[in-house]
Amino acid sequence: MSVIESPSGYEAMIIRAEKADDHLAVQCINELAFGRPNEGALVDSLRAVTPHISLVAFVDGRAAGHVLFSPVQVESEEFSFLGACRNNPNDFD
């Protein structure tokens, strides 16, 4: 878990590994950020990929952002893929 100083008016931002209890909040963040449910469904699918890294940012105790890294293969080269890196647009004015 990491604690990052946040913009004035907010408590510190906490970033930690996603837990199963965060799935609904992450889905809502993605739907609000992209304006549709497709990216939330993609994140749900990518959770089944092992290994992956999924981090959730919390501001004032509420899930406010999400980032997910998963492996991809392009022409027999393996890379890490950053997918659905978004924040809840309602949390930052």
N, C-alpha and C. Protein backbone atom coordinates (compact mmCIF):
# COMPACT_ATOMS: atom_id res chain seq x y z
N MET A 1 0.85 -1.17 0.00
CA MET A 1 0.00 0.00 0.00
C MET A 1 0.89 1.23 0.00
N SER A 2 0.52 2.22 -0.79
CA SER A 2 1.25 3.47 -0.86
C SER A 2 0.33 4.61 -0.47
N VAL A 3 0.90 5.60 0.20
CA VAL A 3 0.16 6.80 0.54
C VAL A 3 0.82 7.96 -0.19
N ILE A 4 0.02 8.72 -0.92
CA ILE A 4 0.53 9.82 -1.74
C ILE A 4 -0.19 11.09 -1.30
N GLU A 5 0.59 12.19 -1.17
CA GLU A 5 -0.05 13.46 -0.86
C GLU A 5 -0.96 13.82 -2.02
N SER A 6 -2.15 14.29 -1.70
CA SER A 6 -3.11 14.60 -2.75
C SER A 6 -3.36 16.10 -2.82
N PRO A 7 -4.08 16.54 -3.85
CA PRO A 7 -4.36 17.97 -3.99
C PRO A 7 -5.02 18.54 -2.75
N SER A 8 -4.82 19.83 -2.51
CA SER A 8 -5.42 20.46 -1.33
C SER A 8 -6.93 20.24 -1.33
N GLY A 9 -7.46 20.07 -0.15
CA GLY A 9 -8.89 19.82 -0.01
C GLY A 9 -9.21 18.33 0.08
N TYR A 10 -8.26 17.47 -0.19
CA TYR A 10 -8.47 16.03 -0.12
C TYR A 10 -7.54 15.44 0.92
N GLU A 11 -7.96 14.32 1.49
CA GLU A 11 -7.07 13.56 2.35
C GLU A 11 -6.02 12.89 1.48
N ALA A 12 -5.09 12.22 2.10
CA ALA A 12 -4.07 11.50 1.35
C ALA A 12 -4.70 10.42 0.48
N MET A 13 -4.10 10.21 -0.68
CA MET A 13 -4.54 9.14 -1.58
C MET A 13 -3.83 7.86 -1.16
N ILE A 14 -4.58 6.80 -1.10
CA ILE A 14 -4.02 5.49 -0.77
C ILE A 14 -4.17 4.61 -2.01
N ILE A 15 -3.09 3.96 -2.40
CA ILE A 15 -3.12 3.05 -3.54
C ILE A 15 -2.75 1.66 -3.02
N ARG A 16 -3.59 0.69 -3.34
CA ARG A 16 -3.32 -0.68 -2.89
C ARG A 16 -3.80 -1.67 -3.94
N ALA A 17 -3.38 -2.90 -3.75
CA ALA A 17 -3.82 -3.97 -4.65
C ALA A 17 -5.33 -4.14 -4.54
N GLU A 18 -5.95 -4.39 -5.68
CA GLU A 18 -7.39 -4.60 -5.72
C GLU A 18 -7.76 -5.86 -4.94
N LYS A 19 -8.89 -5.79 -4.23
CA LYS A 19 -9.45 -6.93 -3.52
C LYS A 19 -10.80 -7.27 -4.16
N ALA A 20 -11.29 -8.45 -3.90
CA ALA A 20 -12.57 -8.88 -4.47
C ALA A 20 -13.70 -7.91 -4.10
N ASP A 21 -13.63 -7.34 -2.91
CA ASP A 21 -14.65 -6.38 -2.48
C ASP A 21 -14.65 -5.10 -3.30
N ASP A 22 -13.59 -4.85 -4.08
CA ASP A 22 -13.46 -3.63 -4.88
C ASP A 22 -14.08 -3.75 -6.27
N HIS A 23 -14.44 -4.95 -6.69
CA HIS A 23 -14.85 -5.17 -8.09
C HIS A 23 -16.00 -4.26 -8.52
N LEU A 24 -17.02 -4.12 -7.70
CA LEU A 24 -18.15 -3.28 -8.08
C LEU A 24 -17.73 -1.81 -8.20
N ALA A 25 -16.93 -1.33 -7.26
CA ALA A 25 -16.45 0.06 -7.31
C ALA A 25 -15.60 0.29 -8.56
N VAL A 26 -14.74 -0.67 -8.91
CA VAL A 26 -13.91 -0.56 -10.10
C VAL A 26 -14.79 -0.54 -11.35
N GLN A 27 -15.81 -1.36 -11.38
CA GLN A 27 -16.72 -1.37 -12.52
C GLN A 27 -17.40 0.00 -12.66
N CYS A 28 -17.83 0.58 -11.55
CA CYS A 28 -18.47 1.90 -11.58
C CYS A 28 -17.50 2.98 -12.04
N ILE A 29 -16.26 2.94 -11.55
CA ILE A 29 -15.24 3.91 -11.97
C ILE A 29 -15.06 3.86 -13.48
N ASN A 30 -14.93 2.66 -14.02
CA ASN A 30 -14.72 2.52 -15.47
C ASN A 30 -15.94 2.99 -16.27
N GLU A 31 -17.13 2.67 -15.80
CA GLU A 31 -18.32 3.09 -16.52
C GLU A 31 -18.47 4.62 -16.50
N LEU A 32 -18.19 5.23 -15.35
CA LEU A 32 -18.26 6.69 -15.28
C LEU A 32 -17.18 7.34 -16.14
N ALA A 33 -15.98 6.78 -16.11
CA ALA A 33 -14.86 7.38 -16.85
C ALA A 33 -15.02 7.25 -18.36
N PHE A 34 -15.51 6.10 -18.82
CA PHE A 34 -15.61 5.86 -20.26
C PHE A 34 -17.02 6.10 -20.81
N GLY A 35 -18.00 6.25 -19.91
CA GLY A 35 -19.36 6.52 -20.35
C GLY A 35 -20.10 5.32 -20.93
N ARG A 36 -19.59 4.14 -20.65
CA ARG A 36 -20.23 2.91 -21.14
C ARG A 36 -19.71 1.73 -20.33
N PRO A 37 -20.39 0.58 -20.35
CA PRO A 37 -19.98 -0.56 -19.53
C PRO A 37 -18.89 -1.44 -20.15
N ASN A 38 -18.49 -1.19 -21.40
CA ASN A 38 -17.56 -2.09 -22.10
C ASN A 38 -16.23 -2.27 -21.37
N GLU A 39 -15.63 -1.18 -20.90
CA GLU A 39 -14.32 -1.28 -20.26
C GLU A 39 -14.40 -2.02 -18.93
N GLY A 40 -15.51 -1.84 -18.19
CA GLY A 40 -15.71 -2.59 -16.96
C GLY A 40 -15.79 -4.09 -17.23
N ALA A 41 -16.45 -4.45 -18.33
CA ALA A 41 -16.53 -5.86 -18.72
C ALA A 41 -15.16 -6.39 -19.13
N LEU A 42 -14.37 -5.54 -19.80
CA LEU A 42 -13.00 -5.94 -20.17
C LEU A 42 -12.16 -6.19 -18.93
N VAL A 43 -12.26 -5.32 -17.95
CA VAL A 43 -11.52 -5.51 -16.69
C VAL A 43 -11.94 -6.82 -16.04
N ASP A 44 -13.24 -7.11 -16.03
CA ASP A 44 -13.72 -8.38 -15.46
C ASP A 44 -13.06 -9.56 -16.17
N SER A 45 -12.95 -9.49 -17.50
CA SER A 45 -12.32 -10.58 -18.27
C SER A 45 -10.83 -10.68 -17.99
N LEU A 46 -10.17 -9.53 -17.87
CA LEU A 46 -8.71 -9.53 -17.65
C LEU A 46 -8.33 -10.04 -16.27
N ARG A 47 -9.24 -9.96 -15.32
CA ARG A 47 -8.94 -10.49 -13.97
C ARG A 47 -8.65 -11.99 -14.02
N ALA A 48 -9.18 -12.68 -15.02
CA ALA A 48 -8.97 -14.11 -15.14
C ALA A 48 -7.57 -14.43 -15.66
N VAL A 49 -6.87 -13.42 -16.21
CA VAL A 49 -5.53 -13.61 -16.75
C VAL A 49 -4.52 -13.59 -15.60
N THR A 50 -3.66 -14.57 -15.60
CA THR A 50 -2.62 -14.64 -14.58
C THR A 50 -1.28 -14.62 -15.28
N PRO A 51 -0.34 -13.82 -14.90
CA PRO A 51 -0.41 -12.85 -13.81
C PRO A 51 -1.00 -11.53 -14.29
N HIS A 52 -1.48 -10.75 -13.38
CA HIS A 52 -1.91 -9.38 -13.67
C HIS A 52 -1.71 -8.55 -12.41
N ILE A 53 -1.66 -7.25 -12.60
CA ILE A 53 -1.55 -6.32 -11.47
C ILE A 53 -2.73 -5.37 -11.57
N SER A 54 -3.51 -5.29 -10.53
CA SER A 54 -4.68 -4.42 -10.49
C SER A 54 -4.61 -3.59 -9.22
N LEU A 55 -4.54 -2.27 -9.39
CA LEU A 55 -4.40 -1.35 -8.26
C LEU A 55 -5.61 -0.42 -8.20
N VAL A 56 -6.03 -0.09 -6.98
CA VAL A 56 -7.14 0.82 -6.78
C VAL A 56 -6.65 1.99 -5.92
N ALA A 57 -7.02 3.20 -6.34
CA ALA A 57 -6.68 4.41 -5.58
C ALA A 57 -7.90 4.85 -4.79
N PHE A 58 -7.67 5.23 -3.54
CA PHE A 58 -8.74 5.70 -2.67
C PHE A 58 -8.43 7.12 -2.22
N VAL A 59 -9.44 7.99 -2.30
CA VAL A 59 -9.35 9.35 -1.80
C VAL A 59 -10.52 9.55 -0.85
N ASP A 60 -10.23 10.08 0.32
CA ASP A 60 -11.26 10.28 1.33
C ASP A 60 -12.03 8.99 1.61
N GLY A 61 -11.34 7.85 1.54
CA GLY A 61 -11.95 6.56 1.86
C GLY A 61 -12.79 5.95 0.76
N ARG A 62 -12.87 6.61 -0.41
CA ARG A 62 -13.70 6.10 -1.52
C ARG A 62 -12.80 5.71 -2.68
N ALA A 63 -13.16 4.63 -3.37
CA ALA A 63 -12.42 4.23 -4.57
C ALA A 63 -12.54 5.35 -5.59
N ALA A 64 -11.39 5.85 -6.07
CA ALA A 64 -11.40 7.01 -6.96
C ALA A 64 -10.66 6.75 -8.27
N GLY A 65 -9.90 5.65 -8.35
CA GLY A 65 -9.16 5.36 -9.58
C GLY A 65 -8.77 3.90 -9.64
N HIS A 66 -8.43 3.47 -10.85
CA HIS A 66 -8.08 2.06 -11.05
C HIS A 66 -7.09 1.96 -12.20
N VAL A 67 -6.14 1.05 -12.07
CA VAL A 67 -5.22 0.74 -13.16
C VAL A 67 -5.00 -0.77 -13.15
N LEU A 68 -4.90 -1.35 -14.35
CA LEU A 68 -4.72 -2.79 -14.48
C LEU A 68 -3.63 -3.06 -15.51
N PHE A 69 -2.67 -3.89 -15.15
CA PHE A 69 -1.62 -4.34 -16.06
C PHE A 69 -1.83 -5.83 -16.31
N SER A 70 -1.81 -6.25 -17.57
CA SER A 70 -1.93 -7.67 -17.89
C SER A 70 -0.98 -7.99 -19.04
N PRO A 71 -0.54 -9.24 -19.13
CA PRO A 71 0.39 -9.60 -20.21
C PRO A 71 -0.34 -9.70 -21.56
N VAL A 72 0.36 -9.32 -22.61
CA VAL A 72 -0.14 -9.50 -23.98
C VAL A 72 1.00 -10.03 -24.83
N GLN A 73 0.65 -10.66 -25.93
CA GLN A 73 1.66 -11.17 -26.85
C GLN A 73 1.37 -10.61 -28.24
N VAL A 74 2.41 -9.99 -28.84
CA VAL A 74 2.31 -9.41 -30.17
C VAL A 74 3.42 -9.99 -31.01
N GLU A 75 3.06 -10.74 -32.04
CA GLU A 75 4.05 -11.36 -32.94
C GLU A 75 5.16 -12.05 -32.16
N SER A 76 4.79 -12.91 -31.28
CA SER A 76 5.67 -13.73 -30.45
C SER A 76 6.53 -12.94 -29.47
N GLU A 77 6.29 -11.65 -29.31
CA GLU A 77 6.95 -10.85 -28.28
C GLU A 77 5.97 -10.67 -27.13
N GLU A 78 6.47 -10.76 -25.89
CA GLU A 78 5.59 -10.60 -24.75
C GLU A 78 5.80 -9.22 -24.13
N PHE A 79 4.69 -8.56 -23.78
CA PHE A 79 4.72 -7.23 -23.21
C PHE A 79 3.77 -7.17 -22.02
N SER A 80 3.93 -6.13 -21.21
CA SER A 80 2.91 -5.80 -20.22
C SER A 80 1.98 -4.80 -20.86
N PHE A 81 0.71 -4.92 -20.56
CA PHE A 81 -0.29 -4.05 -21.14
C PHE A 81 -0.98 -3.29 -20.02
N LEU A 82 -1.05 -1.98 -20.17
CA LEU A 82 -1.76 -1.15 -19.22
C LEU A 82 -3.16 -0.96 -19.76
N GLY A 83 -4.14 -1.41 -19.02
CA GLY A 83 -5.51 -1.31 -19.51
C GLY A 83 -6.42 -0.63 -18.52
N ALA A 84 -7.37 0.12 -19.03
CA ALA A 84 -8.42 0.74 -18.24
C ALA A 84 -7.87 1.55 -17.07
N CYS A 85 -6.94 2.42 -17.36
CA CYS A 85 -6.36 3.30 -16.34
C CYS A 85 -7.24 4.54 -16.24
N ARG A 86 -8.13 4.59 -15.28
CA ARG A 86 -9.09 5.68 -15.19
C ARG A 86 -9.33 6.09 -13.76
N ASN A 87 -9.86 7.29 -13.63
CA ASN A 87 -10.30 7.75 -12.33
C ASN A 87 -11.79 8.10 -12.43
N ASN A 88 -12.41 8.18 -11.29
CA ASN A 88 -13.82 8.60 -11.24
C ASN A 88 -13.84 10.10 -11.51
N PRO A 89 -14.41 10.54 -12.63
CA PRO A 89 -14.38 11.97 -12.94
C PRO A 89 -15.13 12.83 -11.94
N ASN A 90 -15.98 12.24 -11.12
CA ASN A 90 -16.70 12.99 -10.11
C ASN A 90 -15.85 13.31 -8.88
N ASP A 91 -14.68 12.66 -8.77
CA ASP A 91 -13.84 12.86 -7.59
C ASP A 91 -12.85 14.01 -7.73
N PHE A 92 -12.62 14.48 -8.93
CA PHE A 92 -11.64 15.54 -9.14
C PHE A 92 -12.24 16.62 -10.03
N ASP A 93 -12.34 17.82 -9.51
CA ASP A 93 -12.89 18.93 -10.30
C ASP A 93 -11.79 19.74 -10.94
